[in-house]
Amino acid sequence: MKTKNEKFKHIFNITPEDSLSDADKAQLFQRIVHSANKRHRQRVLVRVGAIAAAACLLICFKLFYPIDKVIPTELDIERIASISQTFNRNKDSLQLISVDPRSEKHAISFLKVKERSDILDLLSPNNSAESLKYNTVFVPYGKRQEFTLPDQSKVWLNAGSYLTYSRDMLGKPREVYLNGEGYFDVAHNGTSFIVKTKHAAVKVLGTTFNVSSYEEDKKMAIELITGKVELSSPHFKNITMAPGQFIAYDLQQHKMLVDNKADGNEILWTKKQLVLDRLSTKDLIKKLERIYNVTIHADRSVLENTTVYSGRINLDVSILTSLSNIYELKDYTITRVEKEVWIKNN
């Protein structure tokens, strides 16, 4: 009887000459294995390529559509302050800038001091900006102004200062951002009060203190009048200040000056007086420009003068009178045209 193999050979007319040798069979098997492996590698490469393409799409999506734009997160008050300040187009007016930091919607109100009161009450919300959560108050050069914040704290702002705060300051830690100089009388309500600046933060519960931290200045200074504050900064270790203590920090030379017997000179600007303590000519001119809202042009010989100034200036007089009290009239000619002042050496 014929076996199955013999039947297949007969059907397909396979002769002994057509049969594969053992070597040919081995070679054929190797080609089959190689072909199978190649198809497997191709499938793997296709999968890897698909994964890589998906990853690229995800990265591109994140670059062009950042997550924080799709799902907004709470912005820190420094960023909110920066956004608010960009909306100030009129640097000569006392104003309140209200913003929604997520959408950058904003409203601007020009503030007027009441006839019988020097204090502006910020307790009442701006009805034209009820949906806007944060306010920034701006005091132009040439002015000083006292305000009452929503938590009943009081703050004096010096010329050219911005203060950003939340309209809802009750029942939560209170946080404000200062670009400029402010004297704070913080209301005690059991929650902390934090004054942030570009270079440091002052944390208090209830106290009075002065902070000078204009973002364009090379120095920041804090004087504590009453209570206790904690001063923190990336520039130095945390410091707990005691009443009567004054701290100044040079941001360029990274040097700190501590005076443990401060006498309140730093807050005399609220009483229209300026105390000078070894102030250079350039720094003196910068202070007077802010206080009087003028631009002072001085001869090179004046600016290069190495004299330092100490004493007290009455700010309740004109800029020409203030400068005349500083410079000997026989040596200098001082003139003013509108908001331009010139100091020339005779």
C-alpha atoms as a PDB file:
ATOM      1  CA  MET A   1       0.000   0.000   0.000  1.00  0.00           C
ATOM      2  CA  LYS A   2       1.253   3.487  -0.883  1.00  0.00           C
ATOM      3  CA  THR A   3       1.998   5.855   1.944  1.00  0.00           C
ATOM      4  CA  LYS A   4       0.562   9.410   2.009  1.00  0.00           C
ATOM      5  CA  ASN A   5       3.899  10.859   0.924  1.00  0.00           C
ATOM      6  CA  GLU A   6       4.051   8.556  -2.076  1.00  0.00           C
ATOM      7  CA  LYS A   7       0.460   9.487  -3.051  1.00  0.00           C
ATOM      8  CA  PHE A   8       1.305  13.227  -2.945  1.00  0.00           C
ATOM      9  CA  LYS A   9       4.428  12.668  -5.049  1.00  0.00           C
ATOM     10  CA  HIS A  10       2.339  10.793  -7.601  1.00  0.00           C
ATOM     11  CA  ILE A  11      -0.422  13.462  -7.679  1.00  0.00           C
ATOM     12  CA  PHE A  12       1.986  16.395  -8.094  1.00  0.00           C
ATOM     13  CA  ASN A  13       4.369  14.437 -10.326  1.00  0.00           C
ATOM     14  CA  ILE A  14       7.338  14.879  -8.008  1.00  0.00           C
ATOM     15  CA  THR A  15      10.318  12.847  -9.095  1.00  0.00           C
ATOM     16  CA  PRO A  16      13.360  11.961  -6.942  1.00  0.00           C
ATOM     17  CA  GLU A  17      15.300  14.608  -8.851  1.00  0.00           C
ATOM     18  CA  ASP A  18      12.840  17.255  -7.601  1.00  0.00           C
ATOM     19  CA  SER A  19      13.334  16.325  -3.944  1.00  0.00           C
ATOM     20  CA  LEU A  20      15.323  18.708  -1.711  1.00  0.00           C
ATOM     21  CA  SER A  21      18.557  17.607  -0.197  1.00  0.00           C
ATOM     22  CA  ASP A  22      19.116  17.955   3.540  1.00  0.00           C
ATOM     23  CA  ALA A  23      21.307  21.039   2.926  1.00  0.00           C
ATOM     24  CA  ASP A  24      18.586  22.656   0.781  1.00  0.00           C
ATOM     25  CA  LYS A  25      16.000  21.959   3.455  1.00  0.00           C
ATOM     26  CA  ALA A  26      18.163  23.619   6.094  1.00  0.00           C
ATOM     27  CA  GLN A  27      18.737  26.660   3.887  1.00  0.00           C
ATOM     28  CA  LEU A  28      15.003  26.936   3.138  1.00  0.00           C
ATOM     29  CA  PHE A  29      14.189  26.762   6.861  1.00  0.00           C
ATOM     30  CA  GLN A  30      16.646  29.582   7.600  1.00  0.00           C
ATOM     31  CA  ARG A  31      15.024  31.790   4.925  1.00  0.00           C
ATOM     32  CA  ILE A  32      11.569  31.161   6.426  1.00  0.00           C
ATOM     33  CA  VAL A  33      12.817  32.071   9.909  1.00  0.00           C
ATOM     34  CA  HIS A  34      14.560  35.187   8.592  1.00  0.00           C
ATOM     35  CA  SER A  35      11.381  36.281   6.758  1.00  0.00           C
ATOM     36  CA  ALA A  36       9.272  35.784   9.859  1.00  0.00           C
ATOM     37  CA  ASN A  37      11.706  37.779  11.995  1.00  0.00           C
ATOM     38  CA  LYS A  38      11.741  40.593   9.434  1.00  0.00           C
ATOM     39  CA  ARG A  39       7.948  40.836   9.461  1.00  0.00           C
ATOM     40  CA  HIS A  40       8.022  40.887  13.285  1.00  0.00           C
ATOM     41  CA  ARG A  41      10.594  43.709  13.334  1.00  0.00           C
ATOM     42  CA  GLN A  42       8.503  45.687  10.874  1.00  0.00           C
ATOM     43  CA  ARG A  43       5.466  45.339  13.103  1.00  0.00           C
ATOM     44  CA  VAL A  44       7.533  46.478  16.125  1.00  0.00           C
ATOM     45  CA  LEU A  45       8.888  49.478  14.201  1.00  0.00           C
ATOM     46  CA  VAL A  46       5.378  50.461  13.142  1.00  0.00           C
ATOM     47  CA  ARG A  47       4.250  50.322  16.780  1.00  0.00           C
ATOM     48  CA  VAL A  48       7.279  52.344  17.953  1.00  0.00           C
ATOM     49  CA  GLY A  49       6.690  54.904  15.203  1.00  0.00           C
ATOM     50  CA  ALA A  50       3.059  55.255  16.196  1.00  0.00           C
ATOM     51  CA  ILE A  51       4.017  55.787  19.855  1.00  0.00           C
ATOM     52  CA  ALA A  52       6.672  58.367  18.897  1.00  0.00           C
ATOM     53  CA  ALA A  53       4.203  60.239  16.697  1.00  0.00           C
ATOM     54  CA  ALA A  54       1.664  60.321  19.505  1.00  0.00           C
ATOM     55  CA  ALA A  55       4.310  61.643  21.911  1.00  0.00           C
ATOM     56  CA  CYS A  56       5.293  64.391  19.452  1.00  0.00           C
ATOM     57  CA  LEU A  57       1.664  65.412  19.059  1.00  0.00           C
ATOM     58  CA  LEU A  58       1.282  65.569  22.847  1.00  0.00           C
ATOM     59  CA  ILE A  59       4.412  67.737  23.222  1.00  0.00           C
ATOM     60  CA  CYS A  60       3.312  70.079  20.431  1.00  0.00           C
ATOM     61  CA  PHE A  61      -0.149  70.359  21.976  1.00  0.00           C
ATOM     62  CA  LYS A  62       1.382  71.277  25.333  1.00  0.00           C
ATOM     63  CA  LEU A  63       3.662  73.881  23.746  1.00  0.00           C
ATOM     64  CA  PHE A  64       0.945  75.631  21.768  1.00  0.00           C
ATOM     65  CA  TYR A  65      -1.887  75.063  24.242  1.00  0.00           C
ATOM     66  CA  PRO A  66      -0.340  75.128  27.741  1.00  0.00           C
ATOM     67  CA  ILE A  67      -2.259  73.305  30.415  1.00  0.00           C
ATOM     68  CA  ASP A  68      -2.544  76.426  32.524  1.00  0.00           C
ATOM     69  CA  LYS A  69      -4.420  78.093  29.678  1.00  0.00           C
ATOM     70  CA  VAL A  70      -6.895  75.268  29.385  1.00  0.00           C
ATOM     71  CA  ILE A  71      -7.339  74.876  33.141  1.00  0.00           C
ATOM     72  CA  PRO A  72      -6.362  78.192  34.813  1.00  0.00           C
ATOM     73  CA  THR A  73      -4.677  77.952  38.200  1.00  0.00           C
ATOM     74  CA  GLU A  74      -4.587  80.552  40.964  1.00  0.00           C
ATOM     75  CA  LEU A  75      -2.017  83.230  40.170  1.00  0.00           C
ATOM     76  CA  ASP A  76       0.285  84.587  42.848  1.00  0.00           C
ATOM     77  CA  ILE A  77      -0.249  88.187  43.869  1.00  0.00           C
ATOM     78  CA  GLU A  78       3.074  89.354  42.395  1.00  0.00           C
ATOM     79  CA  ARG A  79       1.921  88.259  38.933  1.00  0.00           C
ATOM     80  CA  ILE A  80      -1.466  89.912  39.483  1.00  0.00           C
ATOM     81  CA  ALA A  81       0.278  93.139  40.502  1.00  0.00           C
ATOM     82  CA  SER A  82       2.433  93.027  37.376  1.00  0.00           C
ATOM     83  CA  ILE A  83      -0.638  92.570  35.151  1.00  0.00           C
ATOM     84  CA  SER A  84      -2.456  95.430  36.902  1.00  0.00           C
ATOM     85  CA  GLN A  85       0.427  97.869  36.509  1.00  0.00           C
ATOM     86  CA  THR A  86       0.478  97.386  32.727  1.00  0.00           C
ATOM     87  CA  PHE A  87      -3.024  98.898  32.556  1.00  0.00           C
ATOM     88  CA  ASN A  88      -1.915 102.193  34.110  1.00  0.00           C
ATOM     89  CA  ARG A  89      -1.848 104.615  31.178  1.00  0.00           C
ATOM     90  CA  ASN A  90      -2.174 107.806  33.221  1.00  0.00           C
ATOM     91  CA  LYS A  91       0.711 108.262  35.649  1.00  0.00           C
ATOM     92  CA  ASP A  92      -0.533 111.677  36.840  1.00  0.00           C
ATOM     93  CA  SER A  93      -3.793 110.541  38.471  1.00  0.00           C
ATOM     94  CA  LEU A  94      -4.746 108.797  41.690  1.00  0.00           C
ATOM     95  CA  GLN A  95      -6.516 105.657  40.503  1.00  0.00           C
ATOM     96  CA  LEU A  96      -7.925 102.247  41.321  1.00  0.00           C
ATOM     97  CA  ILE A  97      -7.255  99.447  38.806  1.00  0.00           C
ATOM     98  CA  SER A  98      -9.525  96.377  39.128  1.00  0.00           C
ATOM     99  CA  VAL A  99      -8.592  93.174  37.278  1.00  0.00           C
ATOM    100  CA  ASP A 100      -9.548  89.572  36.676  1.00  0.00           C
ATOM    101  CA  PRO A 101      -6.055  88.025  36.305  1.00  0.00           C
ATOM    102  CA  ARG A 102      -7.324  84.982  34.385  1.00  0.00           C
ATOM    103  CA  SER A 103      -9.060  86.870  31.597  1.00  0.00           C
ATOM    104  CA  GLU A 104      -7.179  90.166  32.073  1.00  0.00           C
ATOM    105  CA  LYS A 105     -10.500  92.029  32.065  1.00  0.00           C
ATOM    106  CA  HIS A 106     -10.052  95.301  33.901  1.00  0.00           C
ATOM    107  CA  ALA A 107     -11.685  98.532  34.943  1.00  0.00           C
ATOM    108  CA  ILE A 108     -10.069 101.822  36.003  1.00  0.00           C
ATOM    109  CA  SER A 109     -11.551 104.363  38.412  1.00  0.00           C
ATOM    110  CA  PHE A 110     -10.036 107.784  39.028  1.00  0.00           C
ATOM    111  CA  LEU A 111     -10.125 108.526  42.752  1.00  0.00           C
ATOM    112  CA  LYS A 112     -10.855 111.855  44.389  1.00  0.00           C
ATOM    113  CA  VAL A 113     -10.163 112.789  47.987  1.00  0.00           C
ATOM    114  CA  LYS A 114     -13.218 114.005  49.907  1.00  0.00           C
ATOM    115  CA  GLU A 115     -13.184 117.635  50.996  1.00  0.00           C
ATOM    116  CA  ARG A 116     -13.185 116.933  54.727  1.00  0.00           C
ATOM    117  CA  SER A 117     -11.153 113.761  54.786  1.00  0.00           C
ATOM    118  CA  ASP A 118      -7.643 112.844  53.717  1.00  0.00           C
ATOM    119  CA  ILE A 119      -8.446 109.123  53.928  1.00  0.00           C
ATOM    120  CA  LEU A 120      -9.821 107.203  50.956  1.00  0.00           C
ATOM    121  CA  ASP A 121     -12.071 104.331  51.965  1.00  0.00           C
ATOM    122  CA  LEU A 122     -11.430 101.177  49.930  1.00  0.00           C
ATOM    123  CA  LEU A 123     -13.966  99.149  51.922  1.00  0.00           C
ATOM    124  CA  SER A 124     -16.732  99.640  49.376  1.00  0.00           C
ATOM    125  CA  PRO A 125     -16.337  97.655  46.142  1.00  0.00           C
ATOM    126  CA  ASN A 126     -16.182  99.368  42.799  1.00  0.00           C
ATOM    127  CA  ASN A 127     -19.687  98.805  41.411  1.00  0.00           C
ATOM    128  CA  SER A 128     -18.449  98.974  37.825  1.00  0.00           C
ATOM    129  CA  ALA A 129     -16.062  96.086  38.501  1.00  0.00           C
ATOM    130  CA  GLU A 130     -18.012  93.773  40.812  1.00  0.00           C
ATOM    131  CA  SER A 131     -16.773  90.623  39.053  1.00  0.00           C
ATOM    132  CA  LEU A 132     -13.112  91.654  39.263  1.00  0.00           C
ATOM    133  CA  LYS A 133     -11.412  90.104  42.276  1.00  0.00           C
ATOM    134  CA  TYR A 134      -8.235  92.166  42.711  1.00  0.00           C
ATOM    135  CA  ASN A 135      -7.633  95.893  43.065  1.00  0.00           C
ATOM    136  CA  THR A 136      -4.448  97.919  42.641  1.00  0.00           C
ATOM    137  CA  VAL A 137      -4.332 101.466  43.946  1.00  0.00           C
ATOM    138  CA  PHE A 138      -1.790 103.848  42.416  1.00  0.00           C
ATOM    139  CA  VAL A 139      -0.505 107.115  43.897  1.00  0.00           C
ATOM    140  CA  PRO A 140       1.195 109.348  41.310  1.00  0.00           C
ATOM    141  CA  TYR A 141       4.406 111.269  41.782  1.00  0.00           C
ATOM    142  CA  GLY A 142       3.867 114.475  43.700  1.00  0.00           C
ATOM    143  CA  LYS A 143       1.228 112.992  46.024  1.00  0.00           C
ATOM    144  CA  ARG A 144       0.881 110.913  49.200  1.00  0.00           C
ATOM    145  CA  GLN A 145      -2.342 109.252  50.208  1.00  0.00           C
ATOM    146  CA  GLU A 146      -3.861 107.346  53.120  1.00  0.00           C
ATOM    147  CA  PHE A 147      -6.301 104.472  52.531  1.00  0.00           C
ATOM    148  CA  THR A 148      -8.475 102.115  54.545  1.00  0.00           C
ATOM    149  CA  LEU A 149      -8.273  98.540  53.209  1.00  0.00           C
ATOM    150  CA  PRO A 150     -11.225  96.086  53.201  1.00  0.00           C
ATOM    151  CA  ASP A 151      -9.991  94.494  56.469  1.00  0.00           C
ATOM    152  CA  GLN A 152      -9.936  97.925  58.234  1.00  0.00           C
ATOM    153  CA  SER A 153      -6.119  98.140  58.056  1.00  0.00           C
ATOM    154  CA  LYS A 154      -4.782 101.575  57.188  1.00  0.00           C
ATOM    155  CA  VAL A 155      -1.959 102.301  54.794  1.00  0.00           C
ATOM    156  CA  TRP A 156      -0.153 105.469  53.711  1.00  0.00           C
ATOM    157  CA  LEU A 157       1.296 105.232  50.205  1.00  0.00           C
ATOM    158  CA  ASN A 158       4.138 107.456  49.112  1.00  0.00           C
ATOM    159  CA  ALA A 159       4.549 109.044  45.682  1.00  0.00           C
ATOM    160  CA  GLY A 160       4.797 106.649  42.721  1.00  0.00           C
ATOM    161  CA  SER A 161       3.585 103.623  44.716  1.00  0.00           C
ATOM    162  CA  TYR A 162       1.344 100.697  43.756  1.00  0.00           C
ATOM    163  CA  LEU A 163      -0.496  98.479  46.245  1.00  0.00           C
ATOM    164  CA  THR A 164      -2.331  95.331  45.065  1.00  0.00           C
ATOM    165  CA  TYR A 165      -4.843  93.556  47.319  1.00  0.00           C
ATOM    166  CA  SER A 166      -7.792  91.162  47.143  1.00  0.00           C
ATOM    167  CA  ARG A 167     -11.254  92.649  47.558  1.00  0.00           C
ATOM    168  CA  ASP A 168     -12.036  89.721  49.861  1.00  0.00           C
ATOM    169  CA  MET A 169      -9.608  90.056  52.777  1.00  0.00           C
ATOM    170  CA  LEU A 170     -11.847  88.669  55.527  1.00  0.00           C
ATOM    171  CA  GLY A 171     -11.607  85.228  57.130  1.00  0.00           C
ATOM    172  CA  LYS A 172      -8.376  84.242  55.367  1.00  0.00           C
ATOM    173  CA  PRO A 173      -4.668  85.133  55.435  1.00  0.00           C
ATOM    174  CA  ARG A 174      -4.365  88.675  54.101  1.00  0.00           C
ATOM    175  CA  GLU A 175      -1.821  89.333  51.367  1.00  0.00           C
ATOM    176  CA  VAL A 176      -0.878  92.544  49.547  1.00  0.00           C
ATOM    177  CA  TYR A 177       1.865  93.418  47.078  1.00  0.00           C
ATOM    178  CA  LEU A 178       3.777  96.703  47.287  1.00  0.00           C
ATOM    179  CA  ASN A 179       5.836  98.387  44.604  1.00  0.00           C
ATOM    180  CA  GLY A 180       6.938 101.619  46.244  1.00  0.00           C
ATOM    181  CA  GLU A 181       6.774 102.836  49.841  1.00  0.00           C
ATOM    182  CA  GLY A 182       3.995 102.319  52.353  1.00  0.00           C
ATOM    183  CA  TYR A 183       3.370 102.843  56.054  1.00  0.00           C
ATOM    184  CA  PHE A 184       1.017 100.167  57.421  1.00  0.00           C
ATOM    185  CA  ASP A 185      -1.201 100.141  60.499  1.00  0.00           C
ATOM    186  CA  VAL A 186      -2.492  96.565  60.404  1.00  0.00           C
ATOM    187  CA  ALA A 187      -5.870  95.699  61.949  1.00  0.00           C
ATOM    188  CA  HIS A 188      -5.741  92.695  64.272  1.00  0.00           C
ATOM    189  CA  ASN A 189      -8.342  90.069  63.322  1.00  0.00           C
ATOM    190  CA  GLY A 190      -6.581  86.789  64.122  1.00  0.00           C
ATOM    191  CA  THR A 191      -5.223  86.152  60.615  1.00  0.00           C
ATOM    192  CA  SER A 192      -1.778  86.982  59.305  1.00  0.00           C
ATOM    193  CA  PHE A 193      -1.079  90.012  57.117  1.00  0.00           C
ATOM    194  CA  ILE A 194       1.707  89.657  54.535  1.00  0.00           C
ATOM    195  CA  VAL A 195       3.245  92.526  52.591  1.00  0.00           C
ATOM    196  CA  LYS A 196       5.083  91.128  49.585  1.00  0.00           C
ATOM    197  CA  THR A 197       7.616  93.066  47.533  1.00  0.00           C
ATOM    198  CA  LYS A 198       9.901  92.122  44.660  1.00  0.00           C
ATOM    199  CA  HIS A 199      12.737  91.237  47.021  1.00  0.00           C
ATOM    200  CA  ALA A 200      11.167  90.263  50.352  1.00  0.00           C
ATOM    201  CA  ALA A 201       8.012  89.640  52.374  1.00  0.00           C
ATOM    202  CA  VAL A 202       6.921  91.002  55.760  1.00  0.00           C
ATOM    203  CA  LYS A 203       4.520  88.868  57.823  1.00  0.00           C
ATOM    204  CA  VAL A 204       2.604  90.370  60.749  1.00  0.00           C
ATOM    205  CA  LEU A 205      -0.479  89.865  62.934  1.00  0.00           C
ATOM    206  CA  GLY A 206      -1.177  93.419  64.052  1.00  0.00           C
ATOM    207  CA  THR A 207       1.412  96.177  64.033  1.00  0.00           C
ATOM    208  CA  THR A 208       2.672  99.422  62.463  1.00  0.00           C
ATOM    209  CA  PHE A 209       5.693  99.505  60.154  1.00  0.00           C
ATOM    210  CA  ASN A 210       7.143 101.177  57.081  1.00  0.00           C
ATOM    211  CA  VAL A 211       8.328  99.377  53.935  1.00  0.00           C
ATOM    212  CA  SER A 212      10.277 101.074  51.138  1.00  0.00           C
ATOM    213  CA  SER A 213      10.769  98.793  48.142  1.00  0.00           C
ATOM    214  CA  TYR A 214      10.513 100.538  44.778  1.00  0.00           C
ATOM    215  CA  GLU A 215      11.270  97.923  42.130  1.00  0.00           C
ATOM    216  CA  GLU A 216      13.699 100.231  40.312  1.00  0.00           C
ATOM    217  CA  ASP A 217      15.682 101.046  43.483  1.00  0.00           C
ATOM    218  CA  LYS A 218      18.924  99.378  44.544  1.00  0.00           C
ATOM    219  CA  LYS A 219      17.919  99.252  48.207  1.00  0.00           C
ATOM    220  CA  MET A 220      14.956  98.142  50.270  1.00  0.00           C
ATOM    221  CA  ALA A 221      14.232  99.191  53.863  1.00  0.00           C
ATOM    222  CA  ILE A 222      11.850  98.259  56.689  1.00  0.00           C
ATOM    223  CA  GLU A 223      11.292 100.083  59.964  1.00  0.00           C
ATOM    224  CA  LEU A 224       9.113  98.498  62.672  1.00  0.00           C
ATOM    225  CA  ILE A 225       7.263 100.947  64.900  1.00  0.00           C
ATOM    226  CA  THR A 226       5.112  98.650  67.064  1.00  0.00           C
ATOM    227  CA  GLY A 227       4.424  94.907  67.324  1.00  0.00           C
ATOM    228  CA  LYS A 228       6.500  92.178  65.706  1.00  0.00           C
ATOM    229  CA  VAL A 229       7.131  91.157  62.088  1.00  0.00           C
ATOM    230  CA  GLU A 230       8.958  88.361  60.307  1.00  0.00           C
ATOM    231  CA  LEU A 231      11.062  89.448  57.350  1.00  0.00           C
ATOM    232  CA  SER A 232      11.790  86.800  54.704  1.00  0.00           C
ATOM    233  CA  SER A 233      13.707  87.030  51.453  1.00  0.00           C
ATOM    234  CA  PRO A 234      15.660  84.811  49.039  1.00  0.00           C
ATOM    235  CA  HIS A 235      18.586  87.169  49.689  1.00  0.00           C
ATOM    236  CA  PHE A 236      18.995  86.359  53.402  1.00  0.00           C
ATOM    237  CA  LYS A 237      17.763  84.199  56.266  1.00  0.00           C
ATOM    238  CA  ASN A 238      14.438  84.973  57.944  1.00  0.00           C
ATOM    239  CA  ILE A 239      14.608  87.768  60.513  1.00  0.00           C
ATOM    240  CA  THR A 240      12.163  88.467  63.333  1.00  0.00           C
ATOM    241  CA  MET A 241      12.133  92.222  63.918  1.00  0.00           C
ATOM    242  CA  ALA A 242      11.444  93.988  67.204  1.00  0.00           C
ATOM    243  CA  PRO A 243       9.895  97.461  67.719  1.00  0.00           C
ATOM    244  CA  GLY A 244      12.315 100.297  67.068  1.00  0.00           C
ATOM    245  CA  GLN A 245      14.387  98.230  64.637  1.00  0.00           C
ATOM    246  CA  PHE A 246      15.370  99.395  61.155  1.00  0.00           C
ATOM    247  CA  ILE A 247      16.800  97.118  58.443  1.00  0.00           C
ATOM    248  CA  ALA A 248      18.133  98.246  55.067  1.00  0.00           C
ATOM    249  CA  TYR A 249      19.455  95.841  52.437  1.00  0.00           C
ATOM    250  CA  ASP A 250      21.675  96.799  49.501  1.00  0.00           C
ATOM    251  CA  LEU A 251      20.517  94.653  46.574  1.00  0.00           C
ATOM    252  CA  GLN A 252      23.681  95.217  44.540  1.00  0.00           C
ATOM    253  CA  GLN A 253      26.350  94.731  47.179  1.00  0.00           C
ATOM    254  CA  HIS A 254      24.229  92.230  49.173  1.00  0.00           C
ATOM    255  CA  LYS A 255      24.949  94.043  52.425  1.00  0.00           C
ATOM    256  CA  MET A 256      22.580  94.558  55.338  1.00  0.00           C
ATOM    257  CA  LEU A 257      22.408  97.475  57.740  1.00  0.00           C
ATOM    258  CA  VAL A 258      20.617  96.915  61.070  1.00  0.00           C
ATOM    259  CA  ASP A 259      19.777  99.770  63.442  1.00  0.00           C
ATOM    260  CA  ASN A 260      18.257  98.636  66.737  1.00  0.00           C
ATOM    261  CA  LYS A 261      17.541 102.181  67.915  1.00  0.00           C
ATOM    262  CA  ALA A 262      15.533 103.591  65.023  1.00  0.00           C
ATOM    263  CA  ASP A 263      13.635 106.758  65.910  1.00  0.00           C
ATOM    264  CA  GLY A 264      10.793 106.691  63.377  1.00  0.00           C
ATOM    265  CA  ASN A 265      12.487 108.866  60.780  1.00  0.00           C
ATOM    266  CA  GLU A 266      11.383 106.513  57.995  1.00  0.00           C
ATOM    267  CA  ILE A 267       7.708 107.434  58.475  1.00  0.00           C
ATOM    268  CA  LEU A 268       8.141 111.227  58.613  1.00  0.00           C
ATOM    269  CA  TRP A 269       7.219 111.383  54.912  1.00  0.00           C
ATOM    270  CA  THR A 270       3.622 110.829  56.074  1.00  0.00           C
ATOM    271  CA  LYS A 271       3.976 114.184  57.876  1.00  0.00           C
ATOM    272  CA  LYS A 272       5.446 115.872  54.783  1.00  0.00           C
ATOM    273  CA  GLN A 273       9.023 115.719  55.971  1.00  0.00           C
ATOM    274  CA  LEU A 274      12.016 113.998  54.388  1.00  0.00           C
ATOM    275  CA  VAL A 275      14.892 112.817  56.577  1.00  0.00           C
ATOM    276  CA  LEU A 276      18.284 112.507  54.889  1.00  0.00           C
ATOM    277  CA  ASP A 277      20.897 110.147  56.287  1.00  0.00           C
ATOM    278  CA  ARG A 278      24.142 110.295  54.307  1.00  0.00           C
ATOM    279  CA  LEU A 279      22.207 110.341  51.037  1.00  0.00           C
ATOM    280  CA  SER A 280      24.127 110.672  47.759  1.00  0.00           C
ATOM    281  CA  THR A 281      23.277 113.397  45.230  1.00  0.00           C
ATOM    282  CA  LYS A 282      21.774 110.923  42.749  1.00  0.00           C
ATOM    283  CA  ASP A 283      19.588 109.270  45.391  1.00  0.00           C
ATOM    284  CA  LEU A 284      18.475 112.649  46.724  1.00  0.00           C
ATOM    285  CA  ILE A 285      17.448 113.803  43.234  1.00  0.00           C
ATOM    286  CA  LYS A 286      15.499 110.573  42.666  1.00  0.00           C
ATOM    287  CA  LYS A 287      13.564 111.048  45.933  1.00  0.00           C
ATOM    288  CA  LEU A 288      12.743 114.683  45.134  1.00  0.00           C
ATOM    289  CA  GLU A 289      11.554 113.760  41.628  1.00  0.00           C
ATOM    290  CA  ARG A 290       9.039 111.313  43.118  1.00  0.00           C
ATOM    291  CA  ILE A 291       7.888 113.662  45.849  1.00  0.00           C
ATOM    292  CA  TYR A 292       7.365 116.716  43.600  1.00  0.00           C
ATOM    293  CA  ASN A 293       6.497 114.901  40.339  1.00  0.00           C
ATOM    294  CA  VAL A 294       9.189 116.685  38.347  1.00  0.00           C
ATOM    295  CA  THR A 295      12.216 115.780  36.270  1.00  0.00           C
ATOM    296  CA  ILE A 296      15.438 117.270  37.616  1.00  0.00           C
ATOM    297  CA  HIS A 297      18.302 117.967  35.222  1.00  0.00           C
ATOM    298  CA  ALA A 298      21.644 118.598  36.880  1.00  0.00           C
ATOM    299  CA  ASP A 299      25.075 119.494  35.531  1.00  0.00           C
ATOM    300  CA  ARG A 300      27.619 116.680  35.533  1.00  0.00           C
ATOM    301  CA  SER A 301      29.590 118.484  38.219  1.00  0.00           C
ATOM    302  CA  VAL A 302      26.481 118.343  40.443  1.00  0.00           C
ATOM    303  CA  LEU A 303      25.835 114.635  39.829  1.00  0.00           C
ATOM    304  CA  GLU A 304      29.493 113.719  40.327  1.00  0.00           C
ATOM    305  CA  ASN A 305      29.692 115.597  43.606  1.00  0.00           C
ATOM    306  CA  THR A 306      30.692 113.122  46.329  1.00  0.00           C
ATOM    307  CA  THR A 307      28.957 115.116  49.070  1.00  0.00           C
ATOM    308  CA  VAL A 308      26.441 113.111  51.132  1.00  0.00           C
ATOM    309  CA  TYR A 309      23.419 114.808  52.678  1.00  0.00           C
ATOM    310  CA  SER A 310      22.021 114.456  56.182  1.00  0.00           C
ATOM    311  CA  GLY A 311      19.257 116.451  57.830  1.00  0.00           C
ATOM    312  CA  ARG A 312      15.538 117.091  57.374  1.00  0.00           C
ATOM    313  CA  ILE A 313      13.621 118.738  54.526  1.00  0.00           C
ATOM    314  CA  ASN A 314      10.164 120.278  54.870  1.00  0.00           C
ATOM    315  CA  LEU A 315       8.108 118.937  51.950  1.00  0.00           C
ATOM    316  CA  ASP A 316       5.306 121.436  52.486  1.00  0.00           C
ATOM    317  CA  VAL A 317       7.179 123.945  50.324  1.00  0.00           C
ATOM    318  CA  SER A 318       7.923 124.171  46.603  1.00  0.00           C
ATOM    319  CA  ILE A 319      10.655 122.190  44.887  1.00  0.00           C
ATOM    320  CA  LEU A 320      12.627 125.403  44.274  1.00  0.00           C
ATOM    321  CA  THR A 321      12.553 126.239  47.979  1.00  0.00           C
ATOM    322  CA  SER A 322      13.647 122.700  48.915  1.00  0.00           C
ATOM    323  CA  LEU A 323      16.557 122.794  46.477  1.00  0.00           C
ATOM    324  CA  SER A 324      17.548 126.285  47.613  1.00  0.00           C
ATOM    325  CA  ASN A 325      17.794 124.972  51.163  1.00  0.00           C
ATOM    326  CA  ILE A 326      20.139 122.228  49.968  1.00  0.00           C
ATOM    327  CA  TYR A 327      22.341 124.104  47.509  1.00  0.00           C
ATOM    328  CA  GLU A 328      24.052 127.415  48.152  1.00  0.00           C
ATOM    329  CA  LEU A 329      22.421 129.896  45.758  1.00  0.00           C
ATOM    330  CA  LYS A 330      25.753 131.665  45.169  1.00  0.00           C
ATOM    331  CA  ASP A 331      27.163 128.448  43.717  1.00  0.00           C
ATOM    332  CA  TYR A 332      24.135 127.193  41.739  1.00  0.00           C
ATOM    333  CA  THR A 333      21.344 128.511  39.547  1.00  0.00           C
ATOM    334  CA  ILE A 334      18.032 126.665  39.966  1.00  0.00           C
ATOM    335  CA  THR A 335      15.192 127.214  37.480  1.00  0.00           C
ATOM    336  CA  ARG A 336      11.854 125.522  36.749  1.00  0.00           C
ATOM    337  CA  VAL A 337       9.609 125.362  33.679  1.00  0.00           C
ATOM    338  CA  GLU A 338       6.426 123.370  34.336  1.00  0.00           C
ATOM    339  CA  LYS A 339       7.646 119.875  35.327  1.00  0.00           C
ATOM    340  CA  GLU A 340      11.287 120.420  34.359  1.00  0.00           C
ATOM    341  CA  VAL A 341      13.860 121.643  36.891  1.00  0.00           C
ATOM    342  CA  TRP A 342      17.478 122.566  36.113  1.00  0.00           C
ATOM    343  CA  ILE A 343      20.387 122.804  38.548  1.00  0.00           C
ATOM    344  CA  LYS A 344      23.382 124.503  37.011  1.00  0.00           C
ATOM    345  CA  ASN A 345      26.773 125.234  38.475  1.00  0.00           C
ATOM    346  CA  ASN A 346      27.664 128.942  38.346  1.00  0.00           C
END
